[in-house]
């Protein structure tokens, strides 16, 4: 099973921006994610089509099962 942590932000231009992190460690909490998102917003290091990251919307973990057909 593959896991991806998705951090969803609202950009300064009003649209959403999703930052995906492959293979996050187990046990990541909402508080952990929000703290990291706040740091990313404060650092203002991303240049996106959505504008500057302005607001944390949500954090989620997407899991995917891959079954290879033989």
PDB file of N, CA and C in Angstrom:
ATOM      1  N   UNK A   1       0.842  -1.172   0.000  1.00  0.00           N
ATOM      2  CA  UNK A   1       0.000   0.000   0.000  1.00  0.00           C
ATOM      3  C   UNK A   1       0.891   1.240   0.000  1.00  0.00           C
ATOM      4  N   UNK A   2       0.607   2.137  -0.900  1.00  0.00           N
ATOM      5  CA  UNK A   2       1.332   3.401  -0.977  1.00  0.00           C
ATOM      6  C   UNK A   2       0.544   4.477  -0.236  1.00  0.00           C
ATOM      7  N   UNK A   3       1.267   5.372   0.445  1.00  0.00           N
ATOM      8  CA  UNK A   3       0.634   6.485   1.154  1.00  0.00           C
ATOM      9  C   UNK A   3       1.203   7.799   0.644  1.00  0.00           C
ATOM     10  N   UNK A   4       0.333   8.797   0.553  1.00  0.00           N
ATOM     11  CA  UNK A   4       0.734  10.147   0.170  1.00  0.00           C
ATOM     12  C   UNK A   4       0.036  11.116   1.114  1.00  0.00           C
ATOM     13  N   UNK A   5       0.817  11.999   1.738  1.00  0.00           N
ATOM     14  CA  UNK A   5       0.258  13.067   2.556  1.00  0.00           C
ATOM     15  C   UNK A   5      -0.035  14.237   1.627  1.00  0.00           C
ATOM     16  N   UNK A   6      -1.275  14.694   1.620  1.00  0.00           N
ATOM     17  CA  UNK A   6      -1.670  15.820   0.781  1.00  0.00           C
ATOM     18  C   UNK A   6      -1.993  17.017   1.670  1.00  0.00           C
ATOM     19  N   UNK A   7      -1.277  18.094   1.454  1.00  0.00           N
ATOM     20  CA  UNK A   7      -1.499  19.342   2.185  1.00  0.00           C
ATOM     21  C   UNK A   7      -2.227  20.296   1.247  1.00  0.00           C
ATOM     22  N   UNK A   8      -3.416  20.692   1.616  1.00  0.00           N
ATOM     23  CA  UNK A   8      -4.250  21.525   0.747  1.00  0.00           C
ATOM     24  C   UNK A   8      -4.255  22.953   1.281  1.00  0.00           C
ATOM     25  N   UNK A   9      -3.878  23.875   0.407  1.00  0.00           N
ATOM     26  CA  UNK A   9      -3.803  25.293   0.758  1.00  0.00           C
ATOM     27  C   UNK A   9      -4.731  26.101  -0.143  1.00  0.00           C
ATOM     28  N   UNK A  10      -5.140  27.253   0.345  1.00  0.00           N
ATOM     29  CA  UNK A  10      -5.798  28.243  -0.490  1.00  0.00           C
ATOM     30  C   UNK A  10      -4.739  29.266  -0.848  1.00  0.00           C
ATOM     31  N   UNK A  11      -4.625  29.565  -2.125  1.00  0.00           N
ATOM     32  CA  UNK A  11      -3.638  30.537  -2.575  1.00  0.00           C
ATOM     33  C   UNK A  11      -4.176  31.957  -2.491  1.00  0.00           C
ATOM     34  N   UNK A  12      -3.286  32.918  -2.585  1.00  0.00           N
ATOM     35  CA  UNK A  12      -3.677  34.326  -2.485  1.00  0.00           C
ATOM     36  C   UNK A  12      -4.585  34.763  -3.631  1.00  0.00           C
ATOM     37  N   UNK A  13      -4.591  33.986  -4.725  1.00  0.00           N
ATOM     38  CA  UNK A  13      -5.462  34.311  -5.860  1.00  0.00           C
ATOM     39  C   UNK A  13      -6.812  33.603  -5.762  1.00  0.00           C
ATOM     40  N   UNK A  14      -7.035  32.859  -4.675  1.00  0.00           N
ATOM     41  CA  UNK A  14      -8.332  32.253  -4.422  1.00  0.00           C
ATOM     42  C   UNK A  14      -8.476  30.785  -4.774  1.00  0.00           C
ATOM     43  N   UNK A  15      -7.571  30.228  -5.551  1.00  0.00           N
ATOM     44  CA  UNK A  15      -7.701  28.819  -5.905  1.00  0.00           C
ATOM     45  C   UNK A  15      -6.892  27.950  -4.954  1.00  0.00           C
ATOM     46  N   UNK A  16      -7.114  26.639  -5.038  1.00  0.00           N
ATOM     47  CA  UNK A  16      -6.439  25.703  -4.142  1.00  0.00           C
ATOM     48  C   UNK A  16      -5.143  25.184  -4.746  1.00  0.00           C
ATOM     49  N   UNK A  17      -4.199  24.871  -3.874  1.00  0.00           N
ATOM     50  CA  UNK A  17      -2.926  24.270  -4.240  1.00  0.00           C
ATOM     51  C   UNK A  17      -2.701  23.078  -3.322  1.00  0.00           C
ATOM     52  N   UNK A  18      -2.365  21.915  -3.911  1.00  0.00           N
ATOM     53  CA  UNK A  18      -2.108  20.710  -3.127  1.00  0.00           C
ATOM     54  C   UNK A  18      -0.626  20.369  -3.233  1.00  0.00           C
ATOM     55  N   UNK A  19       0.019  20.206  -2.091  1.00  0.00           N
ATOM     56  CA  UNK A  19       1.406  19.751  -2.031  1.00  0.00           C
ATOM     57  C   UNK A  19       1.363  18.309  -1.551  1.00  0.00           C
ATOM     58  N   UNK A  20       1.971  17.412  -2.337  1.00  0.00           N
ATOM     59  CA  UNK A  20       1.942  15.986  -2.025  1.00  0.00           C
ATOM     60  C   UNK A  20       3.304  15.524  -1.537  1.00  0.00           C
ATOM     61  N   UNK A  21       3.277  14.743  -0.454  1.00  0.00           N
ATOM     62  CA  UNK A  21       4.507  14.210   0.139  1.00  0.00           C
ATOM     63  C   UNK A  21       4.389  12.689   0.148  1.00  0.00           C
ATOM     64  N   UNK A  22       5.253  12.032  -0.618  1.00  0.00           N
ATOM     65  CA  UNK A  22       5.241  10.577  -0.700  1.00  0.00           C
ATOM     66  C   UNK A  22       5.788   9.943   0.561  1.00  0.00           C
ATOM     67  N   UNK A  23       5.201   8.803   0.925  1.00  0.00           N
ATOM     68  CA  UNK A  23       5.664   7.961   2.038  1.00  0.00           C
ATOM     69  C   UNK A  23       5.842   8.739   3.348  1.00  0.00           C
ATOM     70  N   UNK A  24       4.771   9.380   3.843  1.00  0.00           N
ATOM     71  CA  UNK A  24       4.888  10.059   5.133  1.00  0.00           C
ATOM     72  C   UNK A  24       5.063   9.036   6.248  1.00  0.00           C
ATOM     73  N   UNK A  25       5.661   9.448   7.336  1.00  0.00           N
ATOM     74  CA  UNK A  25       5.838   8.510   8.451  1.00  0.00           C
ATOM     75  C   UNK A  25       4.474   8.185   9.061  1.00  0.00           C
ATOM     76  N   UNK A  26       4.392   7.007   9.646  1.00  0.00           N
ATOM     77  CA  UNK A  26       3.150   6.585  10.289  1.00  0.00           C
ATOM     78  C   UNK A  26       2.874   7.460  11.503  1.00  0.00           C
ATOM     79  N   UNK A  27       1.602   7.683  11.767  1.00  0.00           N
ATOM     80  CA  UNK A  27       1.213   8.416  12.961  1.00  0.00           C
ATOM     81  C   UNK A  27       1.183   9.924  12.819  1.00  0.00           C
ATOM     82  N   UNK A  28       1.257  10.450  11.606  1.00  0.00           N
ATOM     83  CA  UNK A  28       1.181  11.899  11.419  1.00  0.00           C
ATOM     84  C   UNK A  28      -0.204  12.361  11.866  1.00  0.00           C
ATOM     85  N   UNK A  29      -0.251  13.383  12.682  1.00  0.00           N
ATOM     86  CA  UNK A  29      -1.522  13.891  13.205  1.00  0.00           C
ATOM     87  C   UNK A  29      -1.931  15.182  12.496  1.00  0.00           C
ATOM     88  N   UNK A  30      -3.170  15.558  12.697  1.00  0.00           N
ATOM     89  CA  UNK A  30      -3.661  16.813  12.144  1.00  0.00           C
ATOM     90  C   UNK A  30      -2.839  17.982  12.686  1.00  0.00           C
ATOM     91  N   UNK A  31      -2.525  17.938  13.972  1.00  0.00           N
ATOM     92  CA  UNK A  31      -1.730  19.013  14.589  1.00  0.00           C
ATOM     93  C   UNK A  31      -0.355  19.108  13.944  1.00  0.00           C
ATOM     94  N   UNK A  32       0.281  17.952  13.670  1.00  0.00           N
ATOM     95  CA  UNK A  32       1.587  17.940  12.989  1.00  0.00           C
ATOM     96  C   UNK A  32       1.489  18.616  11.626  1.00  0.00           C
ATOM     97  N   UNK A  33       0.463  18.210  10.878  1.00  0.00           N
ATOM     98  CA  UNK A  33       0.293  18.733   9.523  1.00  0.00           C
ATOM     99  C   UNK A  33       0.025  20.232   9.534  1.00  0.00           C
ATOM    100  N   UNK A  34      -0.849  20.681  10.428  1.00  0.00           N
ATOM    101  CA  UNK A  34      -1.168  22.109  10.486  1.00  0.00           C
ATOM    102  C   UNK A  34       0.036  22.946  10.893  1.00  0.00           C
ATOM    103  N   UNK A  35       0.858  22.422  11.790  1.00  0.00           N
ATOM    104  CA  UNK A  35       2.077  23.133  12.197  1.00  0.00           C
ATOM    105  C   UNK A  35       3.014  23.284  10.998  1.00  0.00           C
ATOM    106  N   UNK A  36       3.170  22.218  10.230  1.00  0.00           N
ATOM    107  CA  UNK A  36       4.031  22.261   9.038  1.00  0.00           C
ATOM    108  C   UNK A  36       3.463  23.199   7.980  1.00  0.00           C
ATOM    109  N   UNK A  37       2.150  23.170   7.821  1.00  0.00           N
ATOM    110  CA  UNK A  37       1.508  24.041   6.830  1.00  0.00           C
ATOM    111  C   UNK A  37       1.693  25.512   7.213  1.00  0.00           C
ATOM    112  N   UNK A  38       1.564  25.813   8.490  1.00  0.00           N
ATOM    113  CA  UNK A  38       1.770  27.195   8.949  1.00  0.00           C
ATOM    114  C   UNK A  38       3.201  27.645   8.673  1.00  0.00           C
ATOM    115  N   UNK A  39       4.159  26.727   8.866  1.00  0.00           N
ATOM    116  CA  UNK A  39       5.564  27.066   8.597  1.00  0.00           C
ATOM    117  C   UNK A  39       5.786  27.322   7.114  1.00  0.00           C
ATOM    118  N   UNK A  40       5.141  26.521   6.254  1.00  0.00           N
ATOM    119  CA  UNK A  40       5.277  26.720   4.802  1.00  0.00           C
ATOM    120  C   UNK A  40       4.679  28.054   4.372  1.00  0.00           C
ATOM    121  N   UNK A  41       3.529  28.402   4.950  1.00  0.00           N
ATOM    122  CA  UNK A  41       2.904  29.693   4.629  1.00  0.00           C
ATOM    123  C   UNK A  41       3.808  30.839   5.072  1.00  0.00           C
ATOM    124  N   UNK A  42       4.350  30.760   6.270  1.00  0.00           N
ATOM    125  CA  UNK A  42       5.202  31.822   6.807  1.00  0.00           C
ATOM    126  C   UNK A  42       6.496  31.970   6.019  1.00  0.00           C
ATOM    127  N   UNK A  43       7.058  30.852   5.555  1.00  0.00           N
ATOM    128  CA  UNK A  43       8.319  30.890   4.812  1.00  0.00           C
ATOM    129  C   UNK A  43       8.145  31.476   3.415  1.00  0.00           C
ATOM    130  N   UNK A  44       6.941  31.346   2.856  1.00  0.00           N
ATOM    131  CA  UNK A  44       6.626  31.904   1.534  1.00  0.00           C
ATOM    132  C   UNK A  44       7.686  31.516   0.487  1.00  0.00           C
ATOM    133  N   UNK A  45       7.956  30.218   0.382  1.00  0.00           N
ATOM    134  CA  UNK A  45       9.014  29.754  -0.522  1.00  0.00           C
ATOM    135  C   UNK A  45       8.499  29.163  -1.828  1.00  0.00           C
ATOM    136  N   UNK A  46       7.181  29.063  -1.984  1.00  0.00           N
ATOM    137  CA  UNK A  46       6.627  28.463  -3.200  1.00  0.00           C
ATOM    138  C   UNK A  46       6.034  29.527  -4.105  1.00  0.00           C
ATOM    139  N   UNK A  47       6.322  29.404  -5.392  1.00  0.00           N
ATOM    140  CA  UNK A  47       5.750  30.275  -6.410  1.00  0.00           C
ATOM    141  C   UNK A  47       4.780  29.409  -7.208  1.00  0.00           C
ATOM    142  N   UNK A  48       3.480  29.598  -7.003  1.00  0.00           N
ATOM    143  CA  UNK A  48       2.490  28.733  -7.642  1.00  0.00           C
ATOM    144  C   UNK A  48       1.527  29.533  -8.504  1.00  0.00           C
ATOM    145  N   UNK A  49       0.802  28.820  -9.360  1.00  0.00           N
ATOM    146  CA  UNK A  49      -0.227  29.459 -10.176  1.00  0.00           C
ATOM    147  C   UNK A  49      -1.378  29.968  -9.310  1.00  0.00           C
ATOM    148  N   UNK A  50      -1.517  29.426  -8.106  1.00  0.00           N
ATOM    149  CA  UNK A  50      -2.559  29.855  -7.166  1.00  0.00           C
ATOM    150  C   UNK A  50      -2.130  31.103  -6.384  1.00  0.00           C
ATOM    151  N   UNK A  51      -0.913  31.568  -6.626  1.00  0.00           N
ATOM    152  CA  UNK A  51      -0.376  32.699  -5.865  1.00  0.00           C
ATOM    153  C   UNK A  51       0.354  32.199  -4.635  1.00  0.00           C
ATOM    154  N   UNK A  52       0.683  33.085  -3.727  1.00  0.00           N
ATOM    155  CA  UNK A  52       1.330  32.690  -2.478  1.00  0.00           C
ATOM    156  C   UNK A  52       0.384  31.821  -1.664  1.00  0.00           C
ATOM    157  N   UNK A  53       0.935  30.865  -0.924  1.00  0.00           N
ATOM    158  CA  UNK A  53       0.114  30.057  -0.034  1.00  0.00           C
ATOM    159  C   UNK A  53      -0.411  30.973   1.063  1.00  0.00           C
ATOM    160  N   UNK A  54      -1.738  31.011   1.213  1.00  0.00           N
ATOM    161  CA  UNK A  54      -2.322  31.987   2.121  1.00  0.00           C
ATOM    162  C   UNK A  54      -3.049  31.370   3.310  1.00  0.00           C
ATOM    163  N   UNK A  55      -3.585  30.142   3.137  1.00  0.00           N
ATOM    164  CA  UNK A  55      -4.407  29.556   4.196  1.00  0.00           C
ATOM    165  C   UNK A  55      -4.347  28.030   4.118  1.00  0.00           C
ATOM    166  N   UNK A  56      -4.247  27.389   5.267  1.00  0.00           N
ATOM    167  CA  UNK A  56      -4.304  25.923   5.324  1.00  0.00           C
ATOM    168  C   UNK A  56      -5.774  25.515   5.262  1.00  0.00           C
ATOM    169  N   UNK A  57      -6.113  24.666   4.300  1.00  0.00           N
ATOM    170  CA  UNK A  57      -7.498  24.218   4.135  1.00  0.00           C
ATOM    171  C   UNK A  57      -7.704  22.867   4.798  1.00  0.00           C
ATOM    172  N   UNK A  58      -6.868  21.872   4.448  1.00  0.00           N
ATOM    173  CA  UNK A  58      -6.966  20.553   5.066  1.00  0.00           C
ATOM    174  C   UNK A  58      -5.706  19.751   4.794  1.00  0.00           C
ATOM    175  N   UNK A  59      -5.540  18.706   5.585  1.00  0.00           N
ATOM    176  CA  UNK A  59      -4.465  17.745   5.383  1.00  0.00           C
ATOM    177  C   UNK A  59      -5.114  16.372   5.349  1.00  0.00           C
ATOM    178  N   UNK A  60      -4.633  15.521   4.444  1.00  0.00           N
ATOM    179  CA  UNK A  60      -5.225  14.196   4.303  1.00  0.00           C
ATOM    180  C   UNK A  60      -4.168  13.207   3.865  1.00  0.00           C
ATOM    181  N   UNK A  61      -4.402  11.943   4.186  1.00  0.00           N
ATOM    182  CA  UNK A  61      -3.511  10.871   3.745  1.00  0.00           C
ATOM    183  C   UNK A  61      -4.277  10.033   2.741  1.00  0.00           C
ATOM    184  N   UNK A  62      -3.720   9.919   1.553  1.00  0.00           N
ATOM    185  CA  UNK A  62      -4.320   9.108   0.492  1.00  0.00           C
ATOM    186  C   UNK A  62      -3.560   7.783   0.451  1.00  0.00           C
ATOM    187  N   UNK A  63      -4.295   6.675   0.535  1.00  0.00           N
ATOM    188  CA  UNK A  63      -3.677   5.361   0.447  1.00  0.00           C
ATOM    189  C   UNK A  63      -4.137   4.678  -0.831  1.00  0.00           C
ATOM    190  N   UNK A  64      -3.212   3.955  -1.454  1.00  0.00           N
ATOM    191  CA  UNK A  64      -3.505   3.278  -2.710  1.00  0.00           C
ATOM    192  C   UNK A  64      -2.990   1.848  -2.629  1.00  0.00           C
ATOM    193  N   UNK A  65      -3.843   0.911  -2.962  1.00  0.00           N
ATOM    194  CA  UNK A  65      -3.427  -0.487  -3.087  1.00  0.00           C
ATOM    195  C   UNK A  65      -3.163  -0.764  -4.566  1.00  0.00           C
ATOM    196  N   UNK A  66      -2.084  -1.460  -4.806  1.00  0.00           N
ATOM    197  CA  UNK A  66      -1.720  -1.793  -6.182  1.00  0.00           C
ATOM    198  C   UNK A  66      -1.669  -3.304  -6.301  1.00  0.00           C
ATOM    199  N   UNK A  67      -2.533  -3.848  -7.161  1.00  0.00           N
ATOM    200  CA  UNK A  67      -2.566  -5.275  -7.408  1.00  0.00           C
ATOM    201  C   UNK A  67      -2.079  -5.531  -8.828  1.00  0.00           C
ATOM    202  N   UNK A  68      -0.958  -6.176  -8.953  1.00  0.00           N
ATOM    203  CA  UNK A  68      -0.394  -6.473 -10.269  1.00  0.00           C
ATOM    204  C   UNK A  68      -1.064  -7.734 -10.814  1.00  0.00           C
ATOM    205  N   UNK A  69      -1.575  -7.614 -12.015  1.00  0.00           N
ATOM    206  CA  UNK A  69      -2.221  -8.747 -12.663  1.00  0.00           C
ATOM    207  C   UNK A  69      -1.172  -9.588 -13.367  1.00  0.00           C
ATOM    208  N   UNK A  70      -1.222 -10.858 -13.115  1.00  0.00           N
ATOM    209  CA  UNK A  70      -0.243 -11.756 -13.734  1.00  0.00           C
ATOM    210  C   UNK A  70      -0.943 -12.789 -14.559  1.00  0.00           C
TER     211      UNK A  70
END
